[in-house]
Each structure stands twice: as C-alpha cells, then as structure tokens.
Amino acid sequence: MRETAQGIGQAKRMHLDMCERVDQLMHKLRDIELKLENCVIIRVGIDGKDISAIMLEQIKKDRTIIETLQETK
C-alpha cells in the first residue's frame, strides 16, 4: 500500500511538473509571437511571404495544438 501511495504521489508531481513546463512553453511562444508581430518585414521567396509571417503562422499552429492538448487532459 505504501509503495502504491508513493507511486501515485510521484505520478502527481510528474504531472504537475509537465503542466508547468507546458505553461512555460506557452508563455515563450506568446513572447516570440509578439516579437514577430512587431518585427521588420524580411522578404523571402517562399510564396511572397516574409519570414516573420511564416514563423508567426507556425507558432500559432503550435499554440493551437498545445491548447487542444491542454483541454483534453
């Protein structure tokens, strides 16, 4: 019984650590997103989009995936 309780406690701590890491990741993504929204346009030859727009698009997709995963936990 004691080992089971210890295992459950450890699993809960690991879960909380993972949730904290996900929150930190979301904050970092949001910071990068804000910086990209405010940066100077750099032209590249990919569909006429600037690199900041491409990166911003990908970050928004990543945030959507993470938010979806958070909702399902």
N, C-alpha and C. Protein backbone atom coordinates (compact mmCIF):
# COMPACT_ATOMS: atom_id res chain seq x y z
N MET A 1 0.81 -1.19 0.00
CA MET A 1 0.00 0.00 0.00
C MET A 1 0.86 1.26 0.00
N ARG A 2 1.90 1.23 0.82
CA ARG A 2 2.77 2.40 0.93
C ARG A 2 3.45 2.70 -0.41
N GLU A 3 3.91 1.64 -1.09
CA GLU A 3 4.56 1.82 -2.39
C GLU A 3 3.59 2.38 -3.42
N THR A 4 2.34 1.93 -3.37
CA THR A 4 1.32 2.44 -4.28
C THR A 4 1.09 3.92 -4.04
N ALA A 5 0.98 4.32 -2.78
CA ALA A 5 0.77 5.73 -2.44
C ALA A 5 1.96 6.57 -2.89
N GLN A 6 3.16 6.05 -2.72
CA GLN A 6 4.35 6.77 -3.17
C GLN A 6 4.36 6.92 -4.68
N GLY A 7 3.96 5.86 -5.37
CA GLY A 7 3.89 5.89 -6.84
C GLY A 7 2.88 6.91 -7.33
N ILE A 8 1.74 6.95 -6.67
CA ILE A 8 0.69 7.92 -7.04
C ILE A 8 1.19 9.34 -6.78
N GLY A 9 1.84 9.54 -5.64
CA GLY A 9 2.39 10.86 -5.33
C GLY A 9 3.43 11.30 -6.35
N GLN A 10 4.27 10.37 -6.74
CA GLN A 10 5.30 10.67 -7.74
C GLN A 10 4.65 11.00 -9.09
N ALA A 11 3.64 10.25 -9.46
CA ALA A 11 2.94 10.50 -10.73
C ALA A 11 2.28 11.88 -10.72
N LYS A 12 1.70 12.25 -9.59
CA LYS A 12 1.07 13.58 -9.49
C LYS A 12 2.12 14.68 -9.61
N ARG A 13 3.27 14.50 -8.97
CA ARG A 13 4.34 15.50 -9.06
C ARG A 13 4.84 15.61 -10.50
N MET A 14 4.99 14.48 -11.16
CA MET A 14 5.45 14.48 -12.55
C MET A 14 4.44 15.19 -13.44
N HIS A 15 3.16 14.95 -13.18
CA HIS A 15 2.10 15.59 -13.95
C HIS A 15 2.14 17.11 -13.75
N LEU A 16 2.28 17.54 -12.50
CA LEU A 16 2.34 18.97 -12.21
C LEU A 16 3.57 19.61 -12.86
N ASP A 17 4.71 18.90 -12.82
CA ASP A 17 5.92 19.40 -13.48
C ASP A 17 5.69 19.57 -14.98
N MET A 18 5.04 18.59 -15.58
CA MET A 18 4.77 18.66 -17.01
C MET A 18 3.82 19.81 -17.33
N CYS A 19 2.81 20.00 -16.51
CA CYS A 19 1.88 21.12 -16.72
C CYS A 19 2.62 22.45 -16.62
N GLU A 20 3.53 22.55 -15.67
CA GLU A 20 4.31 23.77 -15.50
C GLU A 20 5.19 24.02 -16.72
N ARG A 21 5.80 22.97 -17.25
CA ARG A 21 6.63 23.11 -18.45
C ARG A 21 5.81 23.55 -19.65
N VAL A 22 4.61 23.01 -19.78
CA VAL A 22 3.73 23.39 -20.88
C VAL A 22 3.35 24.86 -20.75
N ASP A 23 3.04 25.29 -19.53
CA ASP A 23 2.71 26.70 -19.31
C ASP A 23 3.88 27.60 -19.68
N GLN A 24 5.09 27.20 -19.30
CA GLN A 24 6.29 27.97 -19.64
C GLN A 24 6.47 28.03 -21.16
N LEU A 25 6.24 26.92 -21.83
CA LEU A 25 6.34 26.87 -23.28
C LEU A 25 5.33 27.81 -23.92
N MET A 26 4.11 27.81 -23.41
CA MET A 26 3.08 28.69 -23.95
C MET A 26 3.47 30.16 -23.79
N HIS A 27 4.05 30.51 -22.64
CA HIS A 27 4.49 31.89 -22.42
C HIS A 27 5.61 32.26 -23.39
N LYS A 28 6.54 31.34 -23.59
CA LYS A 28 7.65 31.59 -24.52
C LYS A 28 7.13 31.76 -25.95
N LEU A 29 6.20 30.89 -26.34
CA LEU A 29 5.63 31.00 -27.68
C LEU A 29 4.91 32.34 -27.85
N ARG A 30 4.20 32.76 -26.83
CA ARG A 30 3.48 34.04 -26.90
C ARG A 30 4.46 35.20 -27.01
N ASP A 31 5.56 35.14 -26.25
CA ASP A 31 6.58 36.18 -26.34
C ASP A 31 7.17 36.27 -27.74
N ILE A 32 7.48 35.10 -28.31
CA ILE A 32 8.04 35.06 -29.66
C ILE A 32 7.02 35.58 -30.66
N GLU A 33 5.78 35.20 -30.46
CA GLU A 33 4.70 35.64 -31.35
C GLU A 33 4.59 37.16 -31.34
N LEU A 34 4.62 37.76 -30.15
CA LEU A 34 4.54 39.22 -30.04
C LEU A 34 5.74 39.90 -30.71
N LYS A 35 6.92 39.32 -30.52
CA LYS A 35 8.11 39.90 -31.15
C LYS A 35 8.01 39.82 -32.67
N LEU A 36 7.51 38.70 -33.17
CA LEU A 36 7.37 38.55 -34.62
C LEU A 36 6.34 39.52 -35.19
N GLU A 37 5.26 39.73 -34.45
CA GLU A 37 4.23 40.65 -34.92
C GLU A 37 4.77 42.08 -35.03
N ASN A 38 5.77 42.39 -34.22
CA ASN A 38 6.31 43.75 -34.19
C ASN A 38 7.62 43.91 -34.96
N CYS A 39 8.11 42.83 -35.58
CA CYS A 39 9.42 42.93 -36.22
C CYS A 39 9.31 43.50 -37.63
N VAL A 40 10.45 43.89 -38.15
CA VAL A 40 10.54 44.44 -39.50
C VAL A 40 10.37 43.30 -40.50
N ILE A 41 9.68 43.58 -41.58
CA ILE A 41 9.43 42.55 -42.60
C ILE A 41 10.72 42.23 -43.34
N ILE A 42 11.03 40.93 -43.43
CA ILE A 42 12.19 40.46 -44.19
C ILE A 42 11.64 39.61 -45.33
N ARG A 43 11.86 40.05 -46.56
CA ARG A 43 11.31 39.35 -47.72
C ARG A 43 12.09 38.08 -48.03
N VAL A 44 11.35 37.04 -48.32
CA VAL A 44 11.94 35.79 -48.80
C VAL A 44 11.11 35.31 -49.97
N GLY A 45 11.63 34.37 -50.70
CA GLY A 45 10.96 33.93 -51.91
C GLY A 45 9.94 32.82 -51.73
N ILE A 46 9.47 32.57 -50.52
CA ILE A 46 8.51 31.49 -50.28
C ILE A 46 7.10 32.07 -50.37
N ASP A 47 6.45 31.86 -51.47
CA ASP A 47 5.08 32.33 -51.71
C ASP A 47 4.92 33.83 -51.45
N GLY A 48 6.00 34.58 -51.57
CA GLY A 48 5.92 36.03 -51.37
C GLY A 48 5.72 36.45 -49.93
N LYS A 49 5.82 35.53 -49.00
CA LYS A 49 5.63 35.86 -47.58
C LYS A 49 6.96 36.25 -46.97
N ASP A 50 6.90 37.12 -45.96
CA ASP A 50 8.13 37.42 -45.24
C ASP A 50 8.35 36.35 -44.18
N ILE A 51 9.60 36.19 -43.77
CA ILE A 51 9.95 35.10 -42.86
C ILE A 51 9.22 35.23 -41.52
N SER A 52 9.00 36.46 -41.06
CA SER A 52 8.30 36.64 -39.78
C SER A 52 6.86 36.14 -39.88
N ALA A 53 6.22 36.34 -41.02
CA ALA A 53 4.84 35.87 -41.20
C ALA A 53 4.79 34.35 -41.22
N ILE A 54 5.78 33.74 -41.84
CA ILE A 54 5.84 32.27 -41.90
C ILE A 54 6.03 31.71 -40.49
N MET A 55 6.97 32.29 -39.73
CA MET A 55 7.23 31.83 -38.37
C MET A 55 6.02 32.07 -37.48
N LEU A 56 5.39 33.20 -37.63
CA LEU A 56 4.21 33.54 -36.83
C LEU A 56 3.08 32.55 -37.10
N GLU A 57 2.90 32.20 -38.36
CA GLU A 57 1.89 31.22 -38.75
C GLU A 57 2.14 29.87 -38.07
N GLN A 58 3.40 29.43 -38.07
CA GLN A 58 3.75 28.15 -37.45
C GLN A 58 3.56 28.19 -35.94
N ILE A 59 3.94 29.28 -35.31
CA ILE A 59 3.78 29.40 -33.85
C ILE A 59 2.31 29.36 -33.48
N LYS A 60 1.48 30.01 -34.24
CA LYS A 60 0.04 29.98 -33.95
C LYS A 60 -0.51 28.56 -34.08
N LYS A 61 -0.02 27.81 -35.07
CA LYS A 61 -0.43 26.40 -35.21
C LYS A 61 0.02 25.60 -34.00
N ASP A 62 1.28 25.82 -33.58
CA ASP A 62 1.81 25.11 -32.41
C ASP A 62 1.02 25.43 -31.16
N ARG A 63 0.68 26.69 -30.97
CA ARG A 63 -0.09 27.09 -29.79
C ARG A 63 -1.47 26.43 -29.80
N THR A 64 -2.08 26.36 -30.97
CA THR A 64 -3.40 25.73 -31.09
C THR A 64 -3.32 24.25 -30.70
N ILE A 65 -2.27 23.58 -31.16
CA ILE A 65 -2.09 22.16 -30.82
C ILE A 65 -1.92 22.00 -29.31
N ILE A 66 -1.07 22.83 -28.71
CA ILE A 66 -0.82 22.73 -27.27
C ILE A 66 -2.09 23.04 -26.48
N GLU A 67 -2.82 24.07 -26.89
CA GLU A 67 -4.07 24.41 -26.19
C GLU A 67 -5.07 23.27 -26.28
N THR A 68 -5.14 22.63 -27.44
CA THR A 68 -6.05 21.50 -27.62
C THR A 68 -5.66 20.35 -26.69
N LEU A 69 -4.36 20.08 -26.62
CA LEU A 69 -3.88 19.02 -25.74
C LEU A 69 -4.16 19.35 -24.27
N GLN A 70 -4.02 20.63 -23.91
CA GLN A 70 -4.29 21.02 -22.52
C GLN A 70 -5.76 20.83 -22.17
N GLU A 71 -6.64 21.11 -23.12
CA GLU A 71 -8.07 20.96 -22.87
C GLU A 71 -8.48 19.50 -22.67
N THR A 72 -7.76 18.60 -23.31
CA THR A 72 -8.13 17.19 -23.24
C THR A 72 -7.56 16.47 -22.03
N LYS A 73 -6.71 17.15 -21.25
CA LYS A 73 -6.10 16.46 -20.09
C LYS A 73 -7.03 16.36 -18.92
